[in-house]
PDB file of N, CA and C in Angstrom:
ATOM      1  N   MET A   1       0.818  -1.136  -0.002  1.00  0.00           N
ATOM      2  CA  MET A   1      -0.025   0.010  -0.011  1.00  0.00           C
ATOM      3  C   MET A   1       0.889   1.235  -0.021  1.00  0.00           C
ATOM      4  N   ILE A   2       0.470   2.285  -0.679  1.00  0.00           N
ATOM      5  CA  ILE A   2       1.227   3.522  -0.823  1.00  0.00           C
ATOM      6  C   ILE A   2       0.656   4.542   0.205  1.00  0.00           C
ATOM      7  N   ARG A   3       1.541   5.277   0.803  1.00  0.00           N
ATOM      8  CA  ARG A   3       1.132   6.380   1.699  1.00  0.00           C
ATOM      9  C   ARG A   3       1.195   7.644   0.871  1.00  0.00           C
ATOM     10  N   THR A   4       0.233   8.509   1.072  1.00  0.00           N
ATOM     11  CA  THR A   4       0.249   9.774   0.376  1.00  0.00           C
ATOM     12  C   THR A   4      -0.373  10.844   1.255  1.00  0.00           C
ATOM     13  N   GLN A   5      -0.219  12.078   0.876  1.00  0.00           N
ATOM     14  CA  GLN A   5      -0.855  13.207   1.572  1.00  0.00           C
ATOM     15  C   GLN A   5      -1.762  13.898   0.625  1.00  0.00           C
ATOM     16  N   ILE A   6      -2.849  14.391   1.178  1.00  0.00           N
ATOM     17  CA  ILE A   6      -3.782  15.223   0.384  1.00  0.00           C
ATOM     18  C   ILE A   6      -4.046  16.513   1.156  1.00  0.00           C
ATOM     19  N   GLN A   7      -4.456  17.521   0.361  1.00  0.00           N
ATOM     20  CA  GLN A   7      -4.819  18.778   0.988  1.00  0.00           C
ATOM     21  C   GLN A   7      -6.350  18.975   0.808  1.00  0.00           C
ATOM     22  N   LEU A   8      -7.002  19.326   1.918  1.00  0.00           N
ATOM     23  CA  LEU A   8      -8.448  19.514   1.877  1.00  0.00           C
ATOM     24  C   LEU A   8      -8.731  20.901   2.449  1.00  0.00           C
ATOM     25  N   PRO A   9      -9.756  21.521   1.902  1.00  0.00           N
ATOM     26  CA  PRO A   9     -10.251  22.751   2.570  1.00  0.00           C
ATOM     27  C   PRO A   9     -10.760  22.445   3.974  1.00  0.00           C
ATOM     28  N   ASP A  10     -10.676  23.377   4.897  1.00  0.00           N
ATOM     29  CA  ASP A  10     -11.050  23.130   6.278  1.00  0.00           C
ATOM     30  C   ASP A  10     -12.476  22.630   6.410  1.00  0.00           C
ATOM     31  N   ASP A  11     -13.429  23.177   5.650  1.00  0.00           N
ATOM     32  CA  ASP A  11     -14.814  22.749   5.749  1.00  0.00           C
ATOM     33  C   ASP A  11     -15.000  21.308   5.236  1.00  0.00           C
ATOM     34  N   VAL A  12     -14.300  20.915   4.212  1.00  0.00           N
ATOM     35  CA  VAL A  12     -14.384  19.591   3.687  1.00  0.00           C
ATOM     36  C   VAL A  12     -13.819  18.582   4.685  1.00  0.00           C
ATOM     37  N   PHE A  13     -12.675  18.968   5.266  1.00  0.00           N
ATOM     38  CA  PHE A  13     -12.051  18.101   6.271  1.00  0.00           C
ATOM     39  C   PHE A  13     -12.988  17.922   7.460  1.00  0.00           C
ATOM     40  N   ALA A  14     -13.615  18.991   7.938  1.00  0.00           N
ATOM     41  CA  ALA A  14     -14.497  18.880   9.083  1.00  0.00           C
ATOM     42  C   ALA A  14     -15.695  17.985   8.786  1.00  0.00           C
ATOM     43  N   GLU A  15     -16.284  18.164   7.586  1.00  0.00           N
ATOM     44  CA  GLU A  15     -17.415  17.255   7.219  1.00  0.00           C
ATOM     45  C   GLU A  15     -16.965  15.815   7.104  1.00  0.00           C
ATOM     46  N   ALA A  16     -15.785  15.623   6.561  1.00  0.00           N
ATOM     47  CA  ALA A  16     -15.244  14.255   6.396  1.00  0.00           C
ATOM     48  C   ALA A  16     -15.041  13.592   7.730  1.00  0.00           C
ATOM     49  N   LYS A  17     -14.464  14.355   8.710  1.00  0.00           N
ATOM     50  CA  LYS A  17     -14.210  13.782  10.031  1.00  0.00           C
ATOM     51  C   LYS A  17     -15.533  13.445  10.735  1.00  0.00           C
ATOM     52  N   LYS A  18     -16.571  14.303  10.529  1.00  0.00           N
ATOM     53  CA  LYS A  18     -17.888  13.996  11.156  1.00  0.00           C
ATOM     54  C   LYS A  18     -18.404  12.646  10.575  1.00  0.00           C
ATOM     55  N   LEU A  19     -18.322  12.528   9.278  1.00  0.00           N
ATOM     56  CA  LEU A  19     -18.793  11.314   8.619  1.00  0.00           C
ATOM     57  C   LEU A  19     -18.014  10.104   9.093  1.00  0.00           C
ATOM     58  N   CYS A  20     -16.706  10.252   9.254  1.00  0.00           N
ATOM     59  CA  CYS A  20     -15.903   9.127   9.740  1.00  0.00           C
ATOM     60  C   CYS A  20     -16.275   8.722  11.149  1.00  0.00           C
ATOM     61  N   GLU A  21     -16.535   9.674  11.987  1.00  0.00           N
ATOM     62  CA  GLU A  21     -16.960   9.339  13.348  1.00  0.00           C
ATOM     63  C   GLU A  21     -18.313   8.686  13.366  1.00  0.00           C
ATOM     64  N   ALA A  22     -19.240   9.154  12.533  1.00  0.00           N
ATOM     65  CA  ALA A  22     -20.551   8.560  12.467  1.00  0.00           C
ATOM     66  C   ALA A  22     -20.504   7.142  11.921  1.00  0.00           C
ATOM     67  N   ARG A  23     -19.646   6.891  10.956  1.00  0.00           N
ATOM     68  CA  ARG A  23     -19.546   5.573  10.348  1.00  0.00           C
ATOM     69  C   ARG A  23     -18.522   4.662  11.026  1.00  0.00           C
ATOM     70  N   GLU A  24     -17.783   5.249  11.979  1.00  0.00           N
ATOM     71  CA  GLU A  24     -16.706   4.519  12.658  1.00  0.00           C
ATOM     72  C   GLU A  24     -15.714   3.945  11.716  1.00  0.00           C
ATOM     73  N   ILE A  25     -15.216   4.799  10.798  1.00  0.00           N
ATOM     74  CA  ILE A  25     -14.155   4.427   9.846  1.00  0.00           C
ATOM     75  C   ILE A  25     -13.091   5.549   9.923  1.00  0.00           C
ATOM     76  N   SER A  26     -11.936   5.181   9.433  1.00  0.00           N
ATOM     77  CA  SER A  26     -10.845   6.171   9.454  1.00  0.00           C
ATOM     78  C   SER A  26     -10.956   7.089   8.230  1.00  0.00           C
ATOM     79  N   LEU A  27     -10.281   8.194   8.289  1.00  0.00           N
ATOM     80  CA  LEU A  27     -10.294   9.113   7.163  1.00  0.00           C
ATOM     81  C   LEU A  27      -9.613   8.461   5.962  1.00  0.00           C
ATOM     82  N   ALA A  28      -8.594   7.678   6.219  1.00  0.00           N
ATOM     83  CA  ALA A  28      -7.965   6.938   5.113  1.00  0.00           C
ATOM     84  C   ALA A  28      -8.955   5.991   4.440  1.00  0.00           C
ATOM     85  N   GLU A  29      -9.778   5.306   5.209  1.00  0.00           N
ATOM     86  CA  GLU A  29     -10.798   4.380   4.605  1.00  0.00           C
ATOM     87  C   GLU A  29     -11.833   5.199   3.818  1.00  0.00           C
ATOM     88  N   LEU A  30     -12.255   6.322   4.339  1.00  0.00           N
ATOM     89  CA  LEU A  30     -13.194   7.181   3.639  1.00  0.00           C
ATOM     90  C   LEU A  30     -12.592   7.592   2.290  1.00  0.00           C
ATOM     91  N   ALA A  31     -11.315   8.008   2.316  1.00  0.00           N
ATOM     92  CA  ALA A  31     -10.661   8.466   1.078  1.00  0.00           C
ATOM     93  C   ALA A  31     -10.529   7.274   0.101  1.00  0.00           C
ATOM     94  N   ARG A  32     -10.163   6.126   0.580  1.00  0.00           N
ATOM     95  CA  ARG A  32     -10.055   4.928  -0.308  1.00  0.00           C
ATOM     96  C   ARG A  32     -11.387   4.602  -0.948  1.00  0.00           C
ATOM     97  N   ARG A  33     -12.433   4.604  -0.117  1.00  0.00           N
ATOM     98  CA  ARG A  33     -13.768   4.292  -0.655  1.00  0.00           C
ATOM     99  C   ARG A  33     -14.224   5.311  -1.729  1.00  0.00           C
ATOM    100  N   GLY A  34     -13.926   6.595  -1.384  1.00  0.00           N
ATOM    101  CA  GLY A  34     -14.330   7.666  -2.323  1.00  0.00           C
ATOM    102  C   GLY A  34     -13.581   7.545  -3.639  1.00  0.00           C
ATOM    103  N   ILE A  35     -12.278   7.297  -3.589  1.00  0.00           N
ATOM    104  CA  ILE A  35     -11.490   7.118  -4.800  1.00  0.00           C
ATOM    105  C   ILE A  35     -11.899   5.894  -5.585  1.00  0.00           C
ATOM    106  N   GLU A  36     -12.139   4.783  -4.874  1.00  0.00           N
ATOM    107  CA  GLU A  36     -12.618   3.584  -5.566  1.00  0.00           C
ATOM    108  C   GLU A  36     -13.927   3.829  -6.252  1.00  0.00           C
ATOM    109  N   TYR A  37     -14.844   4.554  -5.628  1.00  0.00           N
ATOM    110  CA  TYR A  37     -16.154   4.839  -6.217  1.00  0.00           C
ATOM    111  C   TYR A  37     -15.957   5.677  -7.474  1.00  0.00           C
ATOM    112  N   ILE A  38     -15.192   6.718  -7.405  1.00  0.00           N
ATOM    113  CA  ILE A  38     -14.946   7.611  -8.558  1.00  0.00           C
ATOM    114  C   ILE A  38     -14.316   6.824  -9.672  1.00  0.00           C
ATOM    115  N   LEU A  39     -13.381   5.960  -9.400  1.00  0.00           N
ATOM    116  CA  LEU A  39     -12.722   5.151 -10.440  1.00  0.00           C
ATOM    117  C   LEU A  39     -13.701   4.205 -11.072  1.00  0.00           C
ATOM    118  N   SER A  40     -14.620   3.621 -10.285  1.00  0.00           N
ATOM    119  CA  SER A  40     -15.586   2.714 -10.870  1.00  0.00           C
ATOM    120  C   SER A  40     -16.594   3.430 -11.780  1.00  0.00           C
ATOM    121  N   VAL A  41     -16.882   4.672 -11.470  1.00  0.00           N
ATOM    122  CA  VAL A  41     -17.815   5.413 -12.310  1.00  0.00           C
ATOM    123  C   VAL A  41     -17.166   6.068 -13.496  1.00  0.00           C
ATOM    124  N   TYR A  42     -16.005   6.669 -13.326  1.00  0.00           N
ATOM    125  CA  TYR A  42     -15.419   7.481 -14.392  1.00  0.00           C
ATOM    126  C   TYR A  42     -14.240   6.823 -15.091  1.00  0.00           C
ATOM    127  N   ALA A  43     -13.503   5.967 -14.493  1.00  0.00           N
ATOM    128  CA  ALA A  43     -12.265   5.477 -15.096  1.00  0.00           C
ATOM    129  C   ALA A  43     -12.516   4.281 -15.948  1.00  0.00           C
ATOM    130  N   GLN A  44     -12.901   4.513 -17.164  1.00  0.00           N
ATOM    131  CA  GLN A  44     -13.064   3.469 -18.115  1.00  0.00           C
ATOM    132  C   GLN A  44     -11.765   3.364 -18.917  1.00  0.00           C
ATOM    133  N   ASN A  45     -11.483   2.172 -19.412  1.00  0.00           N
ATOM    134  CA  ASN A  45     -10.261   2.027 -20.207  1.00  0.00           C
ATOM    135  C   ASN A  45     -10.455   2.816 -21.516  1.00  0.00           C
ATOM    136  N   PRO A  46      -9.695   3.867 -21.669  1.00  0.00           N
ATOM    137  CA  PRO A  46      -9.881   4.613 -22.886  1.00  0.00           C
ATOM    138  C   PRO A  46      -9.330   3.811 -24.078  1.00  0.00           C
ATOM    139  N   GLY A  47     -10.215   3.551 -25.041  1.00  0.00           N
ATOM    140  CA  GLY A  47      -9.838   2.857 -26.222  1.00  0.00           C
ATOM    141  C   GLY A  47      -9.346   3.841 -27.294  1.00  0.00           C
ATOM    142  N   SER A  48      -9.136   3.329 -28.431  1.00  0.00           N
ATOM    143  CA  SER A  48      -8.739   4.231 -29.507  1.00  0.00           C
ATOM    144  C   SER A  48      -9.879   5.117 -29.894  1.00  0.00           C
ATOM    145  N   LYS A  49      -9.577   6.180 -30.676  1.00  0.00           N
ATOM    146  CA  LYS A  49     -10.620   7.073 -31.071  1.00  0.00           C
ATOM    147  C   LYS A  49     -11.574   6.401 -32.029  1.00  0.00           C
ATOM    148  N   ASP A  50     -11.143   5.306 -32.626  1.00  0.00           N
ATOM    149  CA  ASP A  50     -12.006   4.560 -33.544  1.00  0.00           C
ATOM    150  C   ASP A  50     -13.155   3.869 -32.872  1.00  0.00           C
ATOM    151  N   ASP A  51     -13.058   3.689 -31.566  1.00  0.00           N
ATOM    152  CA  ASP A  51     -14.104   3.019 -30.809  1.00  0.00           C
ATOM    153  C   ASP A  51     -15.365   3.852 -30.684  1.00  0.00           C
ATOM    154  N   TRP A  52     -15.202   5.210 -30.734  1.00  0.00           N
ATOM    155  CA  TRP A  52     -16.363   6.074 -30.573  1.00  0.00           C
ATOM    156  C   TRP A  52     -17.231   6.021 -31.796  1.00  0.00           C
ATOM    157  N   GLN A  53     -18.488   5.934 -31.608  1.00  0.00           N
ATOM    158  CA  GLN A  53     -19.475   6.001 -32.672  1.00  0.00           C
ATOM    159  C   GLN A  53     -20.465   7.114 -32.388  1.00  0.00           C
ATOM    160  N   PRO A  54     -20.814   7.866 -33.411  1.00  0.00           N
ATOM    161  CA  PRO A  54     -21.835   8.930 -33.148  1.00  0.00           C
ATOM    162  C   PRO A  54     -23.143   8.279 -32.858  1.00  0.00           C
ATOM    163  N   PRO A  55     -24.017   8.983 -32.116  1.00  0.00           N
ATOM    164  CA  PRO A  55     -25.303   8.446 -31.802  1.00  0.00           C
ATOM    165  C   PRO A  55     -26.129   8.199 -33.029  1.00  0.00           C
ATOM    166  N   LYS A  56     -26.991   7.240 -33.019  1.00  0.00           N
ATOM    167  CA  LYS A  56     -27.843   6.952 -34.138  1.00  0.00           C
ATOM    168  C   LYS A  56     -28.889   8.035 -34.258  1.00  0.00           C
ATOM    169  N   PRO A  57     -29.184   8.499 -35.485  1.00  0.00           N
ATOM    170  CA  PRO A  57     -30.169   9.557 -35.669  1.00  0.00           C
ATOM    171  C   PRO A  57     -31.565   9.034 -35.261  1.00  0.00           C
ATOM    172  N   ARG A  58     -32.339   9.929 -34.695  1.00  0.00           N
ATOM    173  CA  ARG A  58     -33.722   9.591 -34.307  1.00  0.00           C
ATOM    174  C   ARG A  58     -34.719  10.243 -35.253  1.00  0.00           C
ATOM    175  N   HIS A  59     -35.768   9.577 -35.518  1.00  0.00           N
ATOM    176  CA  HIS A  59     -36.843  10.210 -36.275  1.00  0.00           C
ATOM    177  C   HIS A  59     -37.613  11.067 -35.322  1.00  0.00           C
ATOM    178  N   LEU A  60     -37.705  12.364 -35.621  1.00  0.00           N
ATOM    179  CA  LEU A  60     -38.320  13.320 -34.710  1.00  0.00           C
ATOM    180  C   LEU A  60     -39.763  13.591 -34.975  1.00  0.00           C
ATOM    181  N   GLY A  61     -40.340  12.846 -35.918  1.00  0.00           N
ATOM    182  CA  GLY A  61     -41.777  12.944 -36.116  1.00  0.00           C
ATOM    183  C   GLY A  61     -42.234  14.108 -36.989  1.00  0.00           C
ATOM    184  N   TRP A  62     -41.430  14.558 -37.912  1.00  0.00           N
ATOM    185  CA  TRP A  62     -41.818  15.624 -38.830  1.00  0.00           C
ATOM    186  C   TRP A  62     -42.882  15.065 -39.752  1.00  0.00           C
ATOM    187  N   LYS A  63     -44.047  15.648 -39.730  1.00  0.00           N
ATOM    188  CA  LYS A  63     -45.153  15.151 -40.509  1.00  0.00           C
ATOM    189  C   LYS A  63     -45.145  15.808 -41.922  1.00  0.00           C
ATOM    190  N   GLY A  64     -45.343  15.006 -42.924  1.00  0.00           N
ATOM    191  CA  GLY A  64     -45.437  15.522 -44.263  1.00  0.00           C
ATOM    192  C   GLY A  64     -44.152  15.657 -44.987  1.00  0.00           C
ATOM    193  N   LEU A  65     -42.997  15.422 -44.370  1.00  0.00           N
ATOM    194  CA  LEU A  65     -41.701  15.532 -45.012  1.00  0.00           C
ATOM    195  C   LEU A  65     -40.978  14.150 -44.938  1.00  0.00           C
ATOM    196  N   THR A  66     -40.358  13.800 -46.037  1.00  0.00           N
ATOM    197  CA  THR A  66     -39.554  12.563 -46.012  1.00  0.00           C
ATOM    198  C   THR A  66     -38.218  12.902 -45.401  1.00  0.00           C
ATOM    199  N   GLU A  67     -37.452  11.852 -45.098  1.00  0.00           N
ATOM    200  CA  GLU A  67     -36.086  12.073 -44.562  1.00  0.00           C
ATOM    201  C   GLU A  67     -35.208  12.892 -45.555  1.00  0.00           C
ATOM    202  N   ALA A  68     -35.358  12.592 -46.855  1.00  0.00           N
ATOM    203  CA  ALA A  68     -34.626  13.292 -47.881  1.00  0.00           C
ATOM    204  C   ALA A  68     -34.994  14.768 -47.945  1.00  0.00           C
ATOM    205  N   GLU A  69     -36.263  15.068 -47.788  1.00  0.00           N
ATOM    206  CA  GLU A  69     -36.769  16.462 -47.825  1.00  0.00           C
ATOM    207  C   GLU A  69     -36.215  17.231 -46.602  1.00  0.00           C
ATOM    208  N   ILE A  70     -36.257  16.590 -45.452  1.00  0.00           N
ATOM    209  CA  ILE A  70     -35.752  17.198 -44.231  1.00  0.00           C
ATOM    210  C   ILE A  70     -34.260  17.528 -44.378  1.00  0.00           C
ATOM    211  N   LYS A  71     -33.489  16.568 -44.896  1.00  0.00           N
ATOM    212  CA  LYS A  71     -32.073  16.757 -45.104  1.00  0.00           C
ATOM    213  C   LYS A  71     -31.809  17.928 -46.110  1.00  0.00           C
ATOM    214  N   ALA A  72     -32.591  17.921 -47.175  1.00  0.00           N
ATOM    215  CA  ALA A  72     -32.423  18.981 -48.193  1.00  0.00           C
ATOM    216  C   ALA A  72     -32.718  20.375 -47.545  1.00  0.00           C
ATOM    217  N   GLN A  73     -33.761  20.480 -46.786  1.00  0.00           N
ATOM    218  CA  GLN A  73     -34.095  21.740 -46.118  1.00  0.00           C
ATOM    219  C   GLN A  73     -33.024  22.163 -45.133  1.00  0.00           C
ATOM    220  N   ALA A  74     -32.477  21.186 -44.417  1.00  0.00           N
ATOM    221  CA  ALA A  74     -31.427  21.472 -43.414  1.00  0.00           C
ATOM    222  C   ALA A  74     -30.158  21.974 -44.074  1.00  0.00           C
ATOM    223  N   GLN A  75     -29.874  21.476 -45.269  1.00  0.00           N
ATOM    224  CA  GLN A  75     -28.631  21.830 -45.963  1.00  0.00           C
ATOM    225  C   GLN A  75     -28.802  23.026 -46.902  1.00  0.00           C
ATOM    226  N   ALA A  76     -29.997  23.510 -47.075  1.00  0.00           N
ATOM    227  CA  ALA A  76     -30.277  24.606 -48.016  1.00  0.00           C
ATOM    228  C   ALA A  76     -29.708  25.895 -47.449  1.00  0.00           C
ATOM    229  N   THR A  77     -29.285  26.752 -48.361  1.00  0.00           N
ATOM    230  CA  THR A  77     -28.796  28.081 -47.980  1.00  0.00           C
ATOM    231  C   THR A  77     -29.940  29.014 -47.848  1.00  0.00           C
ATOM    232  N   VAL A  78     -29.726  30.169 -47.273  1.00  0.00           N
ATOM    233  CA  VAL A  78     -30.741  31.204 -47.147  1.00  0.00           C
ATOM    234  C   VAL A  78     -31.276  31.647 -48.484  1.00  0.00           C
ATOM    235  N   VAL A  79     -30.388  31.785 -49.467  1.00  0.00           N
ATOM    236  CA  VAL A  79     -30.801  32.208 -50.781  1.00  0.00           C
ATOM    237  C   VAL A  79     -31.705  31.147 -51.467  1.00  0.00           C
ATOM    238  N   GLU A  80     -31.306  29.890 -51.300  1.00  0.00           N
ATOM    239  CA  GLU A  80     -32.147  28.794 -51.879  1.00  0.00           C
ATOM    240  C   GLU A  80     -33.494  28.778 -51.198  1.00  0.00           C
ATOM    241  N   LEU A  81     -33.550  28.966 -49.936  1.00  0.00           N
ATOM    242  CA  LEU A  81     -34.846  28.934 -49.205  1.00  0.00           C
ATOM    243  C   LEU A  81     -35.701  30.116 -49.651  1.00  0.00           C
ATOM    244  N   SER A  82     -35.134  31.303 -49.821  1.00  0.00           N
ATOM    245  CA  SER A  82     -35.965  32.444 -50.220  1.00  0.00           C
ATOM    246  C   SER A  82     -36.442  32.286 -51.640  1.00  0.00           C
ATOM    247  N   MET A  83     -35.663  31.684 -52.525  1.00  0.00           N
ATOM    248  CA  MET A  83     -36.107  31.426 -53.909  1.00  0.00           C
ATOM    249  C   MET A  83     -37.211  30.393 -53.958  1.00  0.00           C
ATOM    250  N   THR A  84     -37.141  29.383 -53.087  1.00  0.00           N
ATOM    251  CA  THR A  84     -38.188  28.359 -53.066  1.00  0.00           C
ATOM    252  C   THR A  84     -39.493  28.945 -52.537  1.00  0.00           C
ATOM    253  N   SER A  85     -39.429  29.843 -51.551  1.00  0.00           N
ATOM    254  CA  SER A  85     -40.637  30.445 -50.982  1.00  0.00           C
ATOM    255  C   SER A  85     -41.301  31.392 -52.011  1.00  0.00           C
ATOM    256  N   ARG A  86     -40.484  32.013 -52.829  1.00  0.00           N
ATOM    257  CA  ARG A  86     -41.023  32.906 -53.844  1.00  0.00           C
ATOM    258  C   ARG A  86     -41.765  32.108 -54.951  1.00  0.00           C
ATOM    259  N   ARG A  87     -41.231  30.965 -55.273  1.00  0.00           N
ATOM    260  CA  ARG A  87     -41.835  30.132 -56.338  1.00  0.00           C
ATOM    261  C   ARG A  87     -43.204  29.635 -55.888  1.00  0.00           C
ATOM    262  N   LYS A  88     -43.342  29.338 -54.587  1.00  0.00           N
ATOM    263  CA  LYS A  88     -44.609  28.760 -54.099  1.00  0.00           C
ATOM    264  C   LYS A  88     -45.707  29.786 -54.105  1.00  0.00           C
ATOM    265  N   LYS A  89     -45.390  31.098 -54.043  1.00  0.00           N
ATOM    266  CA  LYS A  89     -46.375  32.136 -53.986  1.00  0.00           C
ATOM    267  C   LYS A  89     -47.015  32.393 -55.325  1.00  0.00           C
TER     268      LYS A  89
END
């Protein structure tokens, strides 16, 4: 086991000591448990960047437009949109 030192703000230290007394554990045990918890939640084995996949697109329920029409509208420029609206009038 490795010995180490940590620095805590006074209020954090006081709260930690109260919790240790209530749970009847040492400050070292509290720190170990806290670090183990954080590691279990956040420390995943980082894989290569190729492992990441973008989220799958969801159908948002646009009524009356096909997926191709939605994509075309999303990619249209302001000029193209204004010309399309003029044609419809």
